Amino acid sequence: MKDNQTRKLTLTAIMTAINVVLSQIIYVPIGPIKAFPVQHFINVLSAVLVGPWYGLAQAFLTSVIRLMFGTATPFAFPGSMIGVLLAGFLYQRYRKIGIAAIGEVIGTGIIGSLATIPLIYMLNLDISKFYVIAPLFLASTLVGSIIAYILLLALNRRNLLK
């Protein structure tokens, strides 16, 4: 049991570090947010490799670190955390990589973007920012989730996910 927890903690730390580093390099700034397809890529990997709760920790830690480094905005929290949680729960339930990727897209692209509405009001921004954020969340999560899906399929074919 402890070996499994140690493995999950280690993978969570590694994925958080990779996410933070790659976010310095790969992002698309648009309006009040920065789109990070790497976040969604790592979220799907986290959902499959460590599950929803460790994935949630990874998304939270990554968002905090990126916010401290100035490579993220507060909008990083709702999308990444909801996306990985839904992806992780769906993967636990169905054990299908494609379902995890779809969970990330729905969790971030739809639910996560809707969760930014209260944040927009709290930050005293114009609600029209939502119409920029929602399509961007969806596009970013689609790209990252597809890449993760392809990688995880390749790993699964080689029996490296067991």
N, C-alpha and C. Protein backbone atom coordinates (compact mmCIF):
# COMPACT_ATOMS: atom_id res chain seq x y z
N MET A 1 0.83 -1.19 0.00
CA MET A 1 0.00 0.00 0.00
C MET A 1 0.87 1.26 0.00
N LYS A 2 1.88 1.30 0.86
CA LYS A 2 2.74 2.47 0.92
C LYS A 2 3.53 2.65 -0.37
N ASP A 3 3.91 1.55 -1.01
CA ASP A 3 4.64 1.66 -2.26
C ASP A 3 3.79 2.33 -3.33
N ASN A 4 2.49 2.01 -3.36
CA ASN A 4 1.59 2.61 -4.33
C ASN A 4 1.41 4.10 -4.05
N GLN A 5 1.29 4.48 -2.78
CA GLN A 5 1.18 5.89 -2.42
C GLN A 5 2.45 6.65 -2.76
N THR A 6 3.58 6.04 -2.50
CA THR A 6 4.86 6.67 -2.83
C THR A 6 4.99 6.86 -4.33
N ARG A 7 4.58 5.86 -5.09
CA ARG A 7 4.62 5.96 -6.55
C ARG A 7 3.72 7.09 -7.04
N LYS A 8 2.51 7.17 -6.48
CA LYS A 8 1.57 8.22 -6.90
C LYS A 8 2.08 9.61 -6.51
N LEU A 9 2.64 9.74 -5.32
CA LEU A 9 3.20 11.03 -4.90
C LEU A 9 4.36 11.44 -5.79
N THR A 10 5.21 10.48 -6.12
CA THR A 10 6.36 10.77 -6.97
C THR A 10 5.91 11.18 -8.37
N LEU A 11 4.97 10.42 -8.95
CA LEU A 11 4.46 10.78 -10.28
C LEU A 11 3.76 12.14 -10.26
N THR A 12 3.03 12.43 -9.19
CA THR A 12 2.36 13.72 -9.07
C THR A 12 3.40 14.85 -9.04
N ALA A 13 4.45 14.68 -8.28
CA ALA A 13 5.50 15.70 -8.20
C ALA A 13 6.19 15.88 -9.55
N ILE A 14 6.48 14.78 -10.22
CA ILE A 14 7.14 14.86 -11.53
C ILE A 14 6.24 15.55 -12.55
N MET A 15 4.96 15.16 -12.57
CA MET A 15 4.04 15.78 -13.54
C MET A 15 3.83 17.27 -13.23
N THR A 16 3.82 17.63 -11.95
CA THR A 16 3.72 19.05 -11.58
C THR A 16 4.93 19.81 -12.09
N ALA A 17 6.11 19.25 -11.88
CA ALA A 17 7.34 19.91 -12.33
C ALA A 17 7.39 20.05 -13.85
N ILE A 18 7.03 18.98 -14.56
CA ILE A 18 7.01 19.03 -16.03
C ILE A 18 6.02 20.09 -16.50
N ASN A 19 4.87 20.12 -15.87
CA ASN A 19 3.82 21.07 -16.23
C ASN A 19 4.30 22.51 -16.05
N VAL A 20 4.91 22.79 -14.91
CA VAL A 20 5.39 24.15 -14.62
C VAL A 20 6.48 24.55 -15.62
N VAL A 21 7.41 23.66 -15.89
CA VAL A 21 8.51 23.97 -16.81
C VAL A 21 8.00 24.17 -18.23
N LEU A 22 7.18 23.24 -18.71
CA LEU A 22 6.68 23.37 -20.08
C LEU A 22 5.74 24.56 -20.24
N SER A 23 5.10 24.97 -19.16
CA SER A 23 4.22 26.14 -19.22
C SER A 23 5.02 27.42 -19.43
N GLN A 24 6.29 27.39 -19.10
CA GLN A 24 7.15 28.54 -19.36
C GLN A 24 7.42 28.67 -20.86
N ILE A 25 7.30 27.56 -21.57
CA ILE A 25 7.69 27.51 -22.97
C ILE A 25 6.48 27.49 -23.90
N ILE A 26 5.47 26.68 -23.55
CA ILE A 26 4.34 26.44 -24.46
C ILE A 26 3.06 27.04 -23.87
N TYR A 27 2.67 28.21 -24.36
CA TYR A 27 1.40 28.80 -23.97
C TYR A 27 0.97 29.81 -25.02
N VAL A 28 -0.33 30.11 -24.99
CA VAL A 28 -0.90 31.07 -25.94
C VAL A 28 -1.61 32.15 -25.14
N PRO A 29 -1.04 33.39 -25.07
CA PRO A 29 -1.72 34.46 -24.34
C PRO A 29 -2.84 35.07 -25.18
N ILE A 30 -4.04 35.06 -24.62
CA ILE A 30 -5.19 35.68 -25.30
C ILE A 30 -6.03 36.38 -24.25
N GLY A 31 -6.13 37.67 -24.36
CA GLY A 31 -6.93 38.44 -23.42
C GLY A 31 -6.47 38.27 -22.00
N PRO A 32 -7.41 38.07 -21.07
CA PRO A 32 -7.07 38.00 -19.66
C PRO A 32 -6.51 36.65 -19.21
N ILE A 33 -6.41 35.70 -20.12
CA ILE A 33 -5.91 34.38 -19.72
C ILE A 33 -4.77 33.94 -20.63
N LYS A 34 -4.12 32.88 -20.18
CA LYS A 34 -3.09 32.24 -20.99
C LYS A 34 -3.54 30.79 -21.17
N ALA A 35 -3.57 30.33 -22.39
CA ALA A 35 -4.00 28.96 -22.67
C ALA A 35 -2.79 28.04 -22.60
N PHE A 36 -2.92 26.95 -21.88
CA PHE A 36 -1.84 26.00 -21.68
C PHE A 36 -2.28 24.60 -22.07
N PRO A 37 -2.09 24.19 -23.32
CA PRO A 37 -2.47 22.82 -23.69
C PRO A 37 -1.68 21.77 -22.90
N VAL A 38 -0.50 22.15 -22.41
CA VAL A 38 0.31 21.22 -21.61
C VAL A 38 -0.43 20.85 -20.33
N GLN A 39 -1.14 21.82 -19.73
CA GLN A 39 -1.90 21.54 -18.51
C GLN A 39 -2.91 20.41 -18.75
N HIS A 40 -3.58 20.45 -19.87
CA HIS A 40 -4.60 19.45 -20.16
C HIS A 40 -3.97 18.10 -20.51
N PHE A 41 -2.85 18.15 -21.18
CA PHE A 41 -2.07 16.94 -21.47
C PHE A 41 -1.70 16.26 -20.15
N ILE A 42 -1.12 17.02 -19.24
CA ILE A 42 -0.71 16.47 -17.94
C ILE A 42 -1.93 16.04 -17.13
N ASN A 43 -3.04 16.77 -17.24
CA ASN A 43 -4.25 16.38 -16.50
C ASN A 43 -4.74 15.00 -16.91
N VAL A 44 -4.75 14.72 -18.20
CA VAL A 44 -5.21 13.40 -18.65
C VAL A 44 -4.22 12.32 -18.18
N LEU A 45 -2.93 12.61 -18.28
CA LEU A 45 -1.94 11.65 -17.77
C LEU A 45 -2.16 11.42 -16.28
N SER A 46 -2.37 12.48 -15.51
CA SER A 46 -2.60 12.35 -14.07
C SER A 46 -3.85 11.53 -13.78
N ALA A 47 -4.92 11.80 -14.51
CA ALA A 47 -6.17 11.08 -14.30
C ALA A 47 -5.97 9.58 -14.46
N VAL A 48 -5.21 9.20 -15.46
CA VAL A 48 -4.99 7.78 -15.75
C VAL A 48 -3.93 7.17 -14.84
N LEU A 49 -2.85 7.87 -14.60
CA LEU A 49 -1.72 7.29 -13.86
C LEU A 49 -1.84 7.36 -12.35
N VAL A 50 -2.47 8.42 -11.81
CA VAL A 50 -2.52 8.57 -10.35
C VAL A 50 -3.93 8.74 -9.78
N GLY A 51 -4.92 8.95 -10.66
CA GLY A 51 -6.29 9.05 -10.19
C GLY A 51 -6.73 10.48 -9.92
N PRO A 52 -8.00 10.63 -9.53
CA PRO A 52 -8.57 11.97 -9.43
C PRO A 52 -7.99 12.83 -8.31
N TRP A 53 -7.71 12.26 -7.15
CA TRP A 53 -7.30 13.09 -6.01
C TRP A 53 -5.85 13.55 -6.15
N TYR A 54 -4.97 12.67 -6.56
CA TYR A 54 -3.59 13.09 -6.80
C TYR A 54 -3.54 14.01 -8.02
N GLY A 55 -4.40 13.74 -8.99
CA GLY A 55 -4.50 14.63 -10.16
C GLY A 55 -4.96 16.02 -9.75
N LEU A 56 -5.93 16.07 -8.84
CA LEU A 56 -6.40 17.35 -8.33
C LEU A 56 -5.26 18.10 -7.63
N ALA A 57 -4.47 17.38 -6.85
CA ALA A 57 -3.32 18.00 -6.17
C ALA A 57 -2.33 18.54 -7.20
N GLN A 58 -2.09 17.77 -8.26
CA GLN A 58 -1.18 18.21 -9.32
C GLN A 58 -1.68 19.48 -9.98
N ALA A 59 -2.96 19.53 -10.30
CA ALA A 59 -3.52 20.71 -10.97
C ALA A 59 -3.48 21.93 -10.04
N PHE A 60 -3.79 21.73 -8.78
CA PHE A 60 -3.75 22.83 -7.82
C PHE A 60 -2.34 23.35 -7.64
N LEU A 61 -1.40 22.45 -7.40
CA LEU A 61 0.00 22.86 -7.19
C LEU A 61 0.56 23.56 -8.43
N THR A 62 0.26 23.00 -9.59
CA THR A 62 0.74 23.62 -10.82
C THR A 62 0.18 25.03 -10.97
N SER A 63 -1.11 25.19 -10.71
CA SER A 63 -1.73 26.51 -10.83
C SER A 63 -1.12 27.50 -9.84
N VAL A 64 -0.88 27.06 -8.61
CA VAL A 64 -0.28 27.94 -7.60
C VAL A 64 1.12 28.36 -8.02
N ILE A 65 1.93 27.40 -8.42
CA ILE A 65 3.32 27.70 -8.81
C ILE A 65 3.35 28.61 -10.04
N ARG A 66 2.51 28.29 -11.04
CA ARG A 66 2.46 29.14 -12.24
C ARG A 66 1.99 30.55 -11.90
N LEU A 67 1.04 30.68 -10.99
CA LEU A 67 0.56 31.99 -10.57
C LEU A 67 1.68 32.76 -9.88
N MET A 68 2.45 32.08 -9.04
CA MET A 68 3.59 32.72 -8.35
C MET A 68 4.67 33.15 -9.34
N PHE A 69 4.88 32.39 -10.40
CA PHE A 69 5.89 32.73 -11.41
C PHE A 69 5.37 33.73 -12.42
N GLY A 70 4.09 34.03 -12.37
CA GLY A 70 3.52 34.99 -13.31
C GLY A 70 3.21 34.41 -14.67
N THR A 71 3.15 33.08 -14.77
CA THR A 71 2.84 32.44 -16.05
C THR A 71 1.40 31.94 -16.10
N ALA A 72 0.59 32.37 -15.14
CA ALA A 72 -0.82 31.97 -15.12
C ALA A 72 -1.64 33.10 -14.52
N THR A 73 -2.93 32.96 -14.66
CA THR A 73 -3.88 33.88 -14.05
C THR A 73 -4.76 33.05 -13.12
N PRO A 74 -5.60 33.69 -12.32
CA PRO A 74 -6.51 32.91 -11.45
C PRO A 74 -7.44 31.98 -12.23
N PHE A 75 -7.59 32.22 -13.53
CA PHE A 75 -8.44 31.35 -14.34
C PHE A 75 -7.85 29.95 -14.51
N ALA A 76 -6.59 29.77 -14.11
CA ALA A 76 -5.96 28.45 -14.20
C ALA A 76 -6.60 27.46 -13.24
N PHE A 77 -7.14 27.94 -12.13
CA PHE A 77 -7.67 27.04 -11.10
C PHE A 77 -8.94 26.30 -11.51
N PRO A 78 -10.01 27.00 -11.89
CA PRO A 78 -11.25 26.25 -12.13
C PRO A 78 -11.16 25.25 -13.27
N GLY A 79 -10.56 25.64 -14.36
CA GLY A 79 -10.49 24.72 -15.50
C GLY A 79 -9.65 23.50 -15.22
N SER A 80 -8.44 23.71 -14.75
CA SER A 80 -7.54 22.57 -14.57
C SER A 80 -8.03 21.62 -13.49
N MET A 81 -8.54 22.17 -12.40
CA MET A 81 -8.92 21.31 -11.28
C MET A 81 -10.20 20.52 -11.56
N ILE A 82 -11.18 21.17 -12.15
CA ILE A 82 -12.43 20.47 -12.47
C ILE A 82 -12.18 19.43 -13.56
N GLY A 83 -11.37 19.80 -14.55
CA GLY A 83 -11.07 18.89 -15.65
C GLY A 83 -10.41 17.60 -15.20
N VAL A 84 -9.36 17.71 -14.40
CA VAL A 84 -8.64 16.52 -13.97
C VAL A 84 -9.50 15.67 -13.02
N LEU A 85 -10.30 16.31 -12.20
CA LEU A 85 -11.15 15.57 -11.28
C LEU A 85 -12.18 14.73 -12.05
N LEU A 86 -12.84 15.35 -13.02
CA LEU A 86 -13.82 14.61 -13.82
C LEU A 86 -13.14 13.51 -14.63
N ALA A 87 -12.01 13.82 -15.24
CA ALA A 87 -11.27 12.82 -16.02
C ALA A 87 -10.86 11.64 -15.14
N GLY A 88 -10.38 11.94 -13.94
CA GLY A 88 -9.95 10.88 -13.02
C GLY A 88 -11.10 10.00 -12.57
N PHE A 89 -12.23 10.62 -12.21
CA PHE A 89 -13.39 9.83 -11.79
C PHE A 89 -13.92 8.97 -12.94
N LEU A 90 -13.98 9.53 -14.13
CA LEU A 90 -14.47 8.75 -15.28
C LEU A 90 -13.52 7.62 -15.62
N TYR A 91 -12.22 7.87 -15.51
CA TYR A 91 -11.26 6.78 -15.79
C TYR A 91 -11.38 5.68 -14.74
N GLN A 92 -11.52 6.06 -13.47
CA GLN A 92 -11.71 5.06 -12.42
C GLN A 92 -12.93 4.20 -12.67
N ARG A 93 -13.99 4.84 -13.13
CA ARG A 93 -15.26 4.13 -13.35
C ARG A 93 -15.22 3.22 -14.57
N TYR A 94 -14.69 3.72 -15.70
CA TYR A 94 -14.79 2.99 -16.96
C TYR A 94 -13.48 2.37 -17.45
N ARG A 95 -12.36 2.78 -16.90
CA ARG A 95 -11.04 2.24 -17.29
C ARG A 95 -10.78 2.37 -18.79
N LYS A 96 -11.21 3.47 -19.38
CA LYS A 96 -11.01 3.74 -20.81
C LYS A 96 -10.28 5.06 -20.95
N ILE A 97 -9.17 5.05 -21.67
CA ILE A 97 -8.36 6.24 -21.86
C ILE A 97 -9.16 7.33 -22.57
N GLY A 98 -9.93 6.94 -23.57
CA GLY A 98 -10.73 7.91 -24.30
C GLY A 98 -11.75 8.61 -23.42
N ILE A 99 -12.31 7.89 -22.46
CA ILE A 99 -13.28 8.47 -21.54
C ILE A 99 -12.59 9.50 -20.63
N ALA A 100 -11.36 9.20 -20.23
CA ALA A 100 -10.60 10.16 -19.41
C ALA A 100 -10.36 11.44 -20.20
N ALA A 101 -9.98 11.31 -21.47
CA ALA A 101 -9.73 12.48 -22.31
C ALA A 101 -11.01 13.29 -22.50
N ILE A 102 -12.12 12.61 -22.71
CA ILE A 102 -13.41 13.29 -22.86
C ILE A 102 -13.79 13.99 -21.55
N GLY A 103 -13.50 13.34 -20.42
CA GLY A 103 -13.77 13.95 -19.12
C GLY A 103 -12.99 15.25 -18.93
N GLU A 104 -11.74 15.26 -19.37
CA GLU A 104 -10.93 16.48 -19.29
C GLU A 104 -11.54 17.58 -20.16
N VAL A 105 -11.97 17.23 -21.36
CA VAL A 105 -12.55 18.22 -22.27
C VAL A 105 -13.85 18.78 -21.69
N ILE A 106 -14.72 17.91 -21.19
CA ILE A 106 -15.98 18.37 -20.61
C ILE A 106 -15.72 19.15 -19.31
N GLY A 107 -14.85 18.60 -18.47
CA GLY A 107 -14.56 19.23 -17.18
C GLY A 107 -13.93 20.60 -17.31
N THR A 108 -13.00 20.75 -18.23
CA THR A 108 -12.33 22.04 -18.42
C THR A 108 -13.08 22.91 -19.40
N GLY A 109 -13.36 22.34 -20.58
CA GLY A 109 -13.92 23.13 -21.67
C GLY A 109 -15.33 23.63 -21.43
N ILE A 110 -16.11 22.87 -20.67
CA ILE A 110 -17.50 23.28 -20.45
C ILE A 110 -17.71 23.70 -18.98
N ILE A 111 -17.54 22.75 -18.06
CA ILE A 111 -17.80 23.05 -16.65
C ILE A 111 -16.80 24.07 -16.11
N GLY A 112 -15.51 23.86 -16.43
CA GLY A 112 -14.48 24.79 -15.95
C GLY A 112 -14.65 26.20 -16.49
N SER A 113 -15.01 26.30 -17.76
CA SER A 113 -15.22 27.65 -18.31
C SER A 113 -16.43 28.31 -17.66
N LEU A 114 -17.48 27.55 -17.38
CA LEU A 114 -18.64 28.12 -16.67
C LEU A 114 -18.27 28.54 -15.24
N ALA A 115 -17.35 27.81 -14.64
CA ALA A 115 -16.92 28.13 -13.27
C ALA A 115 -16.11 29.42 -13.22
N THR A 116 -15.68 29.93 -14.36
CA THR A 116 -14.95 31.20 -14.37
C THR A 116 -15.88 32.41 -14.22
N ILE A 117 -17.16 32.21 -14.43
CA ILE A 117 -18.10 33.35 -14.35
C ILE A 117 -18.06 34.02 -12.97
N PRO A 118 -18.16 33.28 -11.86
CA PRO A 118 -18.04 33.97 -10.56
C PRO A 118 -16.68 34.65 -10.38
N LEU A 119 -15.64 34.03 -10.92
CA LEU A 119 -14.30 34.62 -10.83
C LEU A 119 -14.22 35.93 -11.61
N ILE A 120 -14.86 35.96 -12.76
CA ILE A 120 -14.90 37.19 -13.56
C ILE A 120 -15.56 38.31 -12.75
N TYR A 121 -16.66 37.99 -12.08
CA TYR A 121 -17.34 38.99 -11.26
C TYR A 121 -16.50 39.41 -10.06
N MET A 122 -15.84 38.43 -9.41
CA MET A 122 -15.00 38.75 -8.25
C MET A 122 -13.82 39.63 -8.63
N LEU A 123 -13.28 39.43 -9.83
CA LEU A 123 -12.15 40.24 -10.30
C LEU A 123 -12.61 41.55 -10.94
N ASN A 124 -13.93 41.77 -10.89
CA ASN A 124 -14.53 42.99 -11.44
C ASN A 124 -14.18 43.19 -12.92
N LEU A 125 -14.22 42.10 -13.67
CA LEU A 125 -13.98 42.16 -15.11
C LEU A 125 -15.32 42.20 -15.84
N ASP A 126 -15.27 42.63 -17.06
CA ASP A 126 -16.46 42.66 -17.90
C ASP A 126 -16.86 41.22 -18.24
N ILE A 127 -18.12 40.89 -18.15
CA ILE A 127 -18.60 39.53 -18.43
C ILE A 127 -18.30 39.10 -19.86
N SER A 128 -18.06 40.06 -20.73
CA SER A 128 -17.72 39.69 -22.12
C SER A 128 -16.42 38.90 -22.18
N LYS A 129 -15.60 38.96 -21.12
CA LYS A 129 -14.36 38.15 -21.07
C LYS A 129 -14.71 36.65 -21.12
N PHE A 130 -15.87 36.30 -20.61
CA PHE A 130 -16.29 34.90 -20.64
C PHE A 130 -16.35 34.38 -22.07
N TYR A 131 -16.81 35.22 -22.98
CA TYR A 131 -16.95 34.79 -24.37
C TYR A 131 -15.59 34.61 -25.06
N VAL A 132 -14.55 35.12 -24.45
CA VAL A 132 -13.18 34.87 -24.91
C VAL A 132 -12.65 33.60 -24.22
N ILE A 133 -12.91 33.50 -22.94
CA ILE A 133 -12.37 32.40 -22.14
C ILE A 133 -12.95 31.05 -22.53
N ALA A 134 -14.25 30.95 -22.67
CA ALA A 134 -14.90 29.66 -22.91
C ALA A 134 -14.38 28.96 -24.17
N PRO A 135 -14.36 29.62 -25.33
CA PRO A 135 -13.83 28.92 -26.52
C PRO A 135 -12.35 28.59 -26.39
N LEU A 136 -11.62 29.46 -25.69
CA LEU A 136 -10.18 29.22 -25.52
C LEU A 136 -9.93 28.01 -24.63
N PHE A 137 -10.69 27.90 -23.53
CA PHE A 137 -10.58 26.72 -22.67
C PHE A 137 -10.86 25.45 -23.48
N LEU A 138 -11.91 25.50 -24.28
CA LEU A 138 -12.29 24.33 -25.06
C LEU A 138 -11.22 23.97 -26.08
N ALA A 139 -10.70 24.94 -26.80
CA ALA A 139 -9.65 24.67 -27.80
C ALA A 139 -8.39 24.14 -27.14
N SER A 140 -7.98 24.76 -26.06
CA SER A 140 -6.76 24.35 -25.36
C SER A 140 -6.88 22.93 -24.82
N THR A 141 -8.02 22.62 -24.21
CA THR A 141 -8.20 21.29 -23.64
C THR A 141 -8.33 20.22 -24.71
N LEU A 142 -8.92 20.56 -25.85
CA LEU A 142 -9.00 19.60 -26.95
C LEU A 142 -7.61 19.20 -27.43
N VAL A 143 -6.75 20.19 -27.64
CA VAL A 143 -5.40 19.92 -28.12
C VAL A 143 -4.62 19.06 -27.11
N GLY A 144 -4.60 19.50 -25.86
CA GLY A 144 -3.85 18.76 -24.83
C GLY A 144 -4.39 17.37 -24.59
N SER A 145 -5.70 17.22 -24.59
CA SER A 145 -6.32 15.91 -24.34
C SER A 145 -6.07 14.93 -25.48
N ILE A 146 -6.09 15.41 -26.69
CA ILE A 146 -5.82 14.54 -27.85
C ILE A 146 -4.39 14.04 -27.82
N ILE A 147 -3.45 14.92 -27.51
CA ILE A 147 -2.04 14.52 -27.43
C ILE A 147 -1.85 13.47 -26.33
N ALA A 148 -2.46 13.71 -25.16
CA ALA A 148 -2.35 12.75 -24.06
C ALA A 148 -2.98 11.41 -24.43
N TYR A 149 -4.12 11.47 -25.11
CA TYR A 149 -4.80 10.25 -25.54
C TYR A 149 -3.90 9.41 -26.45
N ILE A 150 -3.26 10.06 -27.40
CA ILE A 150 -2.37 9.35 -28.33
C ILE A 150 -1.19 8.73 -27.59
N LEU A 151 -0.58 9.50 -26.68
CA LEU A 151 0.55 8.97 -25.90
C LEU A 151 0.12 7.80 -25.02
N LEU A 152 -1.00 7.95 -24.33
CA LEU A 152 -1.47 6.87 -23.45
C LEU A 152 -1.85 5.62 -24.22
N LEU A 153 -2.42 5.78 -25.42
CA LEU A 153 -2.70 4.61 -26.26
C LEU A 153 -1.41 3.88 -26.62
N ALA A 154 -0.39 4.63 -26.98
CA ALA A 154 0.90 4.02 -27.32
C ALA A 154 1.49 3.29 -26.12
N LEU A 155 1.42 3.90 -24.94
CA LEU A 155 1.93 3.25 -23.73
C LEU A 155 1.12 2.00 -23.39
N ASN A 156 -0.17 2.07 -23.58
CA ASN A 156 -1.05 0.93 -23.29
C ASN A 156 -0.76 -0.24 -24.24
N ARG A 157 -0.52 0.06 -25.51
CA ARG A 157 -0.21 -1.00 -26.48
C ARG A 157 1.07 -1.73 -26.12
N ARG A 158 1.96 -1.06 -25.45
CA ARG A 158 3.22 -1.67 -25.03
C ARG A 158 3.14 -2.20 -23.59
N ASN A 159 1.93 -2.24 -23.04
CA ASN A 159 1.67 -2.72 -21.68
C ASN A 159 2.47 -1.97 -20.63
N LEU A 160 2.65 -0.67 -20.82
CA LEU A 160 3.41 0.12 -19.87
C LEU A 160 2.53 0.86 -18.86
N LEU A 161 1.22 0.69 -18.96
CA LEU A 161 0.32 1.35 -18.02
C LEU A 161 -0.08 0.46 -16.86
N LYS A 162 0.31 -0.76 -16.89
CA LYS A 162 -0.12 -1.71 -15.85
C LYS A 162 0.62 -1.49 -14.57
